[in-house]
Amino acid sequence: MERTNDQIPGDAPLALPVVRGPQWFGREVRPFVLRVEVPLTVEQMVAALYDIAQQDEISSDEDLCGSVAVTLLIEGLPRVDERAARLARDEQRGGVESPEYLALCRQRVAALLAG
């Protein structure tokens, strides 16, 4: 698994896996690769996973990053922001449908960012 060590001025070095390959983009050969950096908060990453990804889809770092990336590509950052705000409200009210899965998403994101 390839890792990048690019650094955004003023921030800690990035060390997240590159999401690529046929499991994410199919087997068709395409001549161009577009790479985009999207600064996200932990809450945005968790919101991109919760209610979207299954537990087995976030078991590896690449799978977790791929799931977040696909959610962002399909739904966009504004929708992820809305989901993060709704999750925060639901959690304060005790209305999260799956607190165990929410905790797992947080744990996986924390482990990814700590690595």
N, C-alpha and C. Protein backbone atom coordinates (compact mmCIF):
# COMPACT_ATOMS: atom_id res chain seq x y z
N MET A 1 0.85 -1.17 0.00
CA MET A 1 0.00 0.00 0.00
C MET A 1 0.90 1.24 0.00
N GLU A 2 0.69 2.11 -0.95
CA GLU A 2 1.49 3.32 -1.06
C GLU A 2 0.97 4.38 -0.09
N ARG A 3 1.89 5.07 0.53
CA ARG A 3 1.52 6.17 1.44
C ARG A 3 2.16 7.43 0.92
N THR A 4 1.46 8.54 1.10
CA THR A 4 2.03 9.81 0.69
C THR A 4 2.61 10.51 1.90
N ASN A 5 3.60 11.33 1.68
CA ASN A 5 4.21 12.09 2.76
C ASN A 5 4.20 13.57 2.42
N ASP A 6 3.21 14.00 1.65
CA ASP A 6 3.07 15.41 1.32
C ASP A 6 2.75 16.18 2.59
N GLN A 7 3.10 17.42 2.61
CA GLN A 7 2.83 18.23 3.79
C GLN A 7 2.16 19.52 3.38
N ILE A 8 1.08 19.83 4.06
CA ILE A 8 0.40 21.10 3.89
C ILE A 8 1.06 22.08 4.85
N PRO A 9 1.46 23.27 4.37
CA PRO A 9 2.15 24.21 5.26
C PRO A 9 1.40 24.40 6.57
N GLY A 10 2.14 24.27 7.67
CA GLY A 10 1.55 24.48 8.99
C GLY A 10 0.88 23.26 9.59
N ASP A 11 0.76 22.18 8.80
CA ASP A 11 0.10 20.97 9.29
C ASP A 11 1.11 19.84 9.44
N ALA A 12 0.70 18.82 10.17
CA ALA A 12 1.52 17.62 10.31
C ALA A 12 1.57 16.89 8.98
N PRO A 13 2.60 16.11 8.75
CA PRO A 13 2.69 15.34 7.50
C PRO A 13 1.50 14.41 7.33
N LEU A 14 1.04 14.27 6.10
CA LEU A 14 -0.04 13.34 5.79
C LEU A 14 0.54 11.95 5.60
N ALA A 15 -0.20 10.94 6.02
CA ALA A 15 0.27 9.57 5.84
C ALA A 15 -0.92 8.65 5.56
N LEU A 16 -1.80 9.06 4.66
CA LEU A 16 -2.97 8.26 4.34
C LEU A 16 -2.72 7.48 3.07
N PRO A 17 -3.34 6.30 2.94
CA PRO A 17 -3.11 5.48 1.75
C PRO A 17 -3.71 6.11 0.50
N VAL A 18 -3.08 5.79 -0.63
CA VAL A 18 -3.61 6.19 -1.92
C VAL A 18 -4.70 5.19 -2.28
N VAL A 19 -5.85 5.68 -2.67
CA VAL A 19 -6.97 4.82 -3.05
C VAL A 19 -6.91 4.63 -4.55
N ARG A 20 -6.66 3.39 -4.98
CA ARG A 20 -6.58 3.12 -6.41
C ARG A 20 -6.78 1.63 -6.65
N GLY A 21 -6.93 1.30 -7.89
CA GLY A 21 -7.04 -0.10 -8.26
C GLY A 21 -8.44 -0.49 -8.66
N PRO A 22 -8.58 -1.70 -9.17
CA PRO A 22 -9.86 -2.14 -9.73
C PRO A 22 -10.98 -2.28 -8.71
N GLN A 23 -10.65 -2.48 -7.45
CA GLN A 23 -11.73 -2.59 -6.46
C GLN A 23 -12.48 -1.27 -6.30
N TRP A 24 -11.84 -0.16 -6.63
CA TRP A 24 -12.47 1.15 -6.49
C TRP A 24 -12.94 1.72 -7.81
N PHE A 25 -12.22 1.47 -8.88
CA PHE A 25 -12.50 2.17 -10.13
C PHE A 25 -12.72 1.26 -11.31
N GLY A 26 -12.85 -0.03 -11.12
CA GLY A 26 -13.07 -0.97 -12.21
C GLY A 26 -11.78 -1.32 -12.92
N ARG A 27 -11.90 -2.18 -13.88
CA ARG A 27 -10.72 -2.71 -14.58
C ARG A 27 -10.42 -1.98 -15.88
N GLU A 28 -11.29 -1.08 -16.28
CA GLU A 28 -11.09 -0.34 -17.53
C GLU A 28 -9.86 0.56 -17.41
N VAL A 29 -9.00 0.51 -18.42
CA VAL A 29 -7.81 1.37 -18.43
C VAL A 29 -8.24 2.78 -18.80
N ARG A 30 -7.85 3.73 -17.99
CA ARG A 30 -8.19 5.13 -18.24
C ARG A 30 -6.89 5.92 -18.24
N PRO A 31 -6.75 6.85 -19.17
CA PRO A 31 -5.45 7.50 -19.35
C PRO A 31 -5.10 8.59 -18.34
N PHE A 32 -6.03 9.04 -17.55
CA PHE A 32 -5.75 10.16 -16.65
C PHE A 32 -6.07 9.79 -15.21
N VAL A 33 -5.29 10.36 -14.30
CA VAL A 33 -5.52 10.18 -12.86
C VAL A 33 -5.65 11.57 -12.26
N LEU A 34 -6.73 11.80 -11.57
CA LEU A 34 -6.97 13.07 -10.90
C LEU A 34 -6.80 12.85 -9.41
N ARG A 35 -5.91 13.62 -8.81
CA ARG A 35 -5.69 13.53 -7.37
C ARG A 35 -6.16 14.83 -6.74
N VAL A 36 -6.92 14.70 -5.68
CA VAL A 36 -7.49 15.86 -5.02
C VAL A 36 -7.26 15.72 -3.52
N GLU A 37 -6.83 16.77 -2.88
CA GLU A 37 -6.72 16.78 -1.43
C GLU A 37 -7.90 17.56 -0.88
N VAL A 38 -8.61 16.93 0.05
CA VAL A 38 -9.77 17.57 0.67
C VAL A 38 -9.54 17.58 2.17
N PRO A 39 -9.31 18.75 2.74
CA PRO A 39 -9.12 18.80 4.20
C PRO A 39 -10.45 18.46 4.90
N LEU A 40 -10.38 17.49 5.80
CA LEU A 40 -11.57 17.02 6.51
C LEU A 40 -11.32 17.00 8.00
N THR A 41 -12.38 17.19 8.75
CA THR A 41 -12.31 17.01 10.19
C THR A 41 -12.60 15.54 10.50
N VAL A 42 -12.30 15.14 11.70
CA VAL A 42 -12.64 13.79 12.15
C VAL A 42 -14.15 13.58 12.04
N GLU A 43 -14.92 14.57 12.41
CA GLU A 43 -16.38 14.45 12.36
C GLU A 43 -16.88 14.25 10.94
N GLN A 44 -16.26 14.93 9.98
CA GLN A 44 -16.65 14.76 8.58
C GLN A 44 -16.31 13.36 8.08
N MET A 45 -15.14 12.85 8.47
CA MET A 45 -14.76 11.50 8.05
C MET A 45 -15.72 10.47 8.64
N VAL A 46 -16.05 10.62 9.91
CA VAL A 46 -16.98 9.69 10.56
C VAL A 46 -18.34 9.77 9.88
N ALA A 47 -18.80 10.97 9.60
CA ALA A 47 -20.10 11.15 8.94
C ALA A 47 -20.11 10.55 7.54
N ALA A 48 -18.98 10.58 6.85
CA ALA A 48 -18.90 10.00 5.51
C ALA A 48 -18.99 8.48 5.57
N LEU A 49 -18.70 7.89 6.71
CA LEU A 49 -18.75 6.44 6.88
C LEU A 49 -20.08 5.96 7.45
N TYR A 50 -20.57 6.67 8.46
CA TYR A 50 -21.75 6.23 9.20
C TYR A 50 -22.98 6.20 8.28
N ASP A 51 -23.75 5.15 8.33
CA ASP A 51 -24.93 4.94 7.49
C ASP A 51 -24.59 4.67 6.03
N ILE A 52 -23.32 4.64 5.67
CA ILE A 52 -22.92 4.43 4.29
C ILE A 52 -22.11 3.13 4.17
N ALA A 53 -20.99 3.07 4.85
CA ALA A 53 -20.07 1.94 4.75
C ALA A 53 -20.49 0.83 5.71
N GLN A 54 -20.19 -0.39 5.31
CA GLN A 54 -20.39 -1.54 6.17
C GLN A 54 -19.11 -1.79 6.96
N GLN A 55 -19.22 -2.54 8.04
CA GLN A 55 -18.06 -2.79 8.90
C GLN A 55 -16.89 -3.39 8.11
N ASP A 56 -17.15 -4.33 7.22
CA ASP A 56 -16.06 -4.94 6.46
C ASP A 56 -15.47 -4.00 5.40
N GLU A 57 -16.13 -2.89 5.13
CA GLU A 57 -15.64 -1.92 4.16
C GLU A 57 -14.71 -0.88 4.78
N ILE A 58 -14.48 -0.98 6.09
CA ILE A 58 -13.57 -0.04 6.74
C ILE A 58 -12.50 -0.78 7.56
N SER A 59 -12.26 -2.03 7.20
CA SER A 59 -11.32 -2.83 7.98
C SER A 59 -9.86 -2.45 7.72
N SER A 60 -9.53 -2.05 6.50
CA SER A 60 -8.16 -1.61 6.21
C SER A 60 -8.14 -0.10 6.05
N ASP A 61 -6.95 0.48 6.14
CA ASP A 61 -6.83 1.93 5.96
C ASP A 61 -7.25 2.36 4.56
N GLU A 62 -6.86 1.58 3.54
CA GLU A 62 -7.25 1.94 2.18
C GLU A 62 -8.76 1.84 2.01
N ASP A 63 -9.38 0.81 2.57
CA ASP A 63 -10.83 0.68 2.47
C ASP A 63 -11.54 1.83 3.17
N LEU A 64 -11.05 2.21 4.33
CA LEU A 64 -11.64 3.33 5.06
C LEU A 64 -11.52 4.61 4.22
N CYS A 65 -10.32 4.91 3.73
CA CYS A 65 -10.12 6.11 2.91
C CYS A 65 -10.91 6.04 1.62
N GLY A 66 -10.99 4.87 1.03
CA GLY A 66 -11.78 4.71 -0.18
C GLY A 66 -13.26 4.95 0.06
N SER A 67 -13.76 4.46 1.18
CA SER A 67 -15.18 4.68 1.50
C SER A 67 -15.47 6.16 1.72
N VAL A 68 -14.57 6.85 2.41
CA VAL A 68 -14.74 8.29 2.59
C VAL A 68 -14.68 9.01 1.25
N ALA A 69 -13.70 8.65 0.41
CA ALA A 69 -13.53 9.30 -0.89
C ALA A 69 -14.75 9.09 -1.78
N VAL A 70 -15.26 7.87 -1.82
CA VAL A 70 -16.42 7.59 -2.67
C VAL A 70 -17.64 8.37 -2.17
N THR A 71 -17.83 8.42 -0.86
CA THR A 71 -18.95 9.20 -0.32
C THR A 71 -18.83 10.66 -0.71
N LEU A 72 -17.63 11.22 -0.61
CA LEU A 72 -17.42 12.61 -1.00
C LEU A 72 -17.66 12.82 -2.49
N LEU A 73 -17.22 11.89 -3.31
CA LEU A 73 -17.42 12.01 -4.76
C LEU A 73 -18.90 11.95 -5.13
N ILE A 74 -19.63 11.06 -4.49
CA ILE A 74 -21.03 10.87 -4.83
C ILE A 74 -21.93 11.93 -4.22
N GLU A 75 -21.72 12.24 -2.95
CA GLU A 75 -22.63 13.13 -2.23
C GLU A 75 -22.14 14.56 -2.11
N GLY A 76 -20.85 14.77 -2.09
CA GLY A 76 -20.30 16.11 -1.93
C GLY A 76 -20.10 16.48 -0.47
N LEU A 77 -19.21 17.44 -0.27
CA LEU A 77 -18.88 17.89 1.08
C LEU A 77 -20.06 18.52 1.80
N PRO A 78 -20.91 19.31 1.13
CA PRO A 78 -22.06 19.88 1.86
C PRO A 78 -22.97 18.81 2.47
N ARG A 79 -23.19 17.72 1.76
CA ARG A 79 -24.03 16.65 2.30
C ARG A 79 -23.35 15.95 3.48
N VAL A 80 -22.05 15.77 3.40
CA VAL A 80 -21.30 15.17 4.51
C VAL A 80 -21.36 16.10 5.72
N ASP A 81 -21.26 17.41 5.50
CA ASP A 81 -21.39 18.37 6.59
C ASP A 81 -22.77 18.29 7.24
N GLU A 82 -23.81 18.16 6.43
CA GLU A 82 -25.17 18.01 6.97
C GLU A 82 -25.28 16.75 7.81
N ARG A 83 -24.72 15.66 7.32
CA ARG A 83 -24.77 14.40 8.06
C ARG A 83 -24.01 14.52 9.38
N ALA A 84 -22.86 15.19 9.38
CA ALA A 84 -22.09 15.37 10.61
C ALA A 84 -22.88 16.18 11.64
N ALA A 85 -23.55 17.24 11.18
CA ALA A 85 -24.36 18.06 12.09
C ALA A 85 -25.53 17.25 12.64
N ARG A 86 -26.17 16.45 11.77
CA ARG A 86 -27.29 15.63 12.23
C ARG A 86 -26.83 14.58 13.23
N LEU A 87 -25.67 13.96 12.97
CA LEU A 87 -25.14 12.98 13.92
C LEU A 87 -24.86 13.60 15.28
N ALA A 88 -24.29 14.81 15.28
CA ALA A 88 -24.01 15.50 16.55
C ALA A 88 -25.31 15.78 17.30
N ARG A 89 -26.32 16.26 16.58
CA ARG A 89 -27.62 16.52 17.22
C ARG A 89 -28.25 15.24 17.75
N ASP A 90 -28.26 14.21 16.92
CA ASP A 90 -28.85 12.93 17.33
C ASP A 90 -28.13 12.34 18.54
N GLU A 91 -26.81 12.48 18.55
CA GLU A 91 -26.04 11.94 19.67
C GLU A 91 -26.35 12.69 20.96
N GLN A 92 -26.48 14.01 20.89
CA GLN A 92 -26.82 14.80 22.08
C GLN A 92 -28.18 14.41 22.63
N ARG A 93 -29.09 14.06 21.74
CA ARG A 93 -30.46 13.70 22.14
C ARG A 93 -30.61 12.22 22.45
N GLY A 94 -29.52 11.45 22.28
CA GLY A 94 -29.60 10.02 22.50
C GLY A 94 -30.36 9.29 21.40
N GLY A 95 -30.39 9.87 20.19
CA GLY A 95 -31.19 9.31 19.11
C GLY A 95 -30.39 8.70 17.98
N VAL A 96 -29.14 8.31 18.22
CA VAL A 96 -28.34 7.67 17.18
C VAL A 96 -28.83 6.24 17.03
N GLU A 97 -29.12 5.83 15.80
CA GLU A 97 -29.66 4.49 15.56
C GLU A 97 -28.70 3.38 15.94
N SER A 98 -27.42 3.56 15.69
CA SER A 98 -26.44 2.53 15.99
C SER A 98 -25.22 3.14 16.68
N PRO A 99 -25.33 3.39 17.99
CA PRO A 99 -24.20 3.99 18.70
C PRO A 99 -22.94 3.11 18.65
N GLU A 100 -23.12 1.78 18.57
CA GLU A 100 -21.97 0.89 18.49
C GLU A 100 -21.21 1.10 17.18
N TYR A 101 -21.95 1.21 16.08
CA TYR A 101 -21.29 1.41 14.79
C TYR A 101 -20.68 2.81 14.71
N LEU A 102 -21.34 3.79 15.27
CA LEU A 102 -20.77 5.15 15.32
C LEU A 102 -19.45 5.12 16.09
N ALA A 103 -19.42 4.42 17.21
CA ALA A 103 -18.18 4.29 17.99
C ALA A 103 -17.10 3.57 17.18
N LEU A 104 -17.48 2.55 16.43
CA LEU A 104 -16.51 1.84 15.59
C LEU A 104 -15.95 2.77 14.51
N CYS A 105 -16.82 3.56 13.87
CA CYS A 105 -16.35 4.51 12.86
C CYS A 105 -15.35 5.49 13.47
N ARG A 106 -15.66 6.00 14.64
CA ARG A 106 -14.74 6.93 15.32
C ARG A 106 -13.42 6.25 15.66
N GLN A 107 -13.51 5.02 16.14
CA GLN A 107 -12.31 4.28 16.50
C GLN A 107 -11.43 4.05 15.28
N ARG A 108 -12.03 3.65 14.16
CA ARG A 108 -11.26 3.39 12.94
C ARG A 108 -10.62 4.66 12.40
N VAL A 109 -11.37 5.78 12.41
CA VAL A 109 -10.81 7.06 11.93
C VAL A 109 -9.66 7.48 12.85
N ALA A 110 -9.84 7.37 14.16
CA ALA A 110 -8.80 7.73 15.11
C ALA A 110 -7.54 6.88 14.88
N ALA A 111 -7.73 5.58 14.67
CA ALA A 111 -6.60 4.70 14.43
C ALA A 111 -5.89 5.06 13.13
N LEU A 112 -6.64 5.38 12.11
CA LEU A 112 -6.06 5.79 10.82
C LEU A 112 -5.20 7.04 11.00
N LEU A 113 -5.74 8.02 11.68
CA LEU A 113 -5.04 9.30 11.82
C LEU A 113 -3.87 9.21 12.81
N ALA A 114 -3.92 8.26 13.73
CA ALA A 114 -2.82 8.08 14.68
C ALA A 114 -1.65 7.34 14.05
N GLY A 115 -1.95 6.54 12.99
CA GLY A 115 -0.92 5.72 12.36
C GLY A 115 -0.02 6.53 11.51
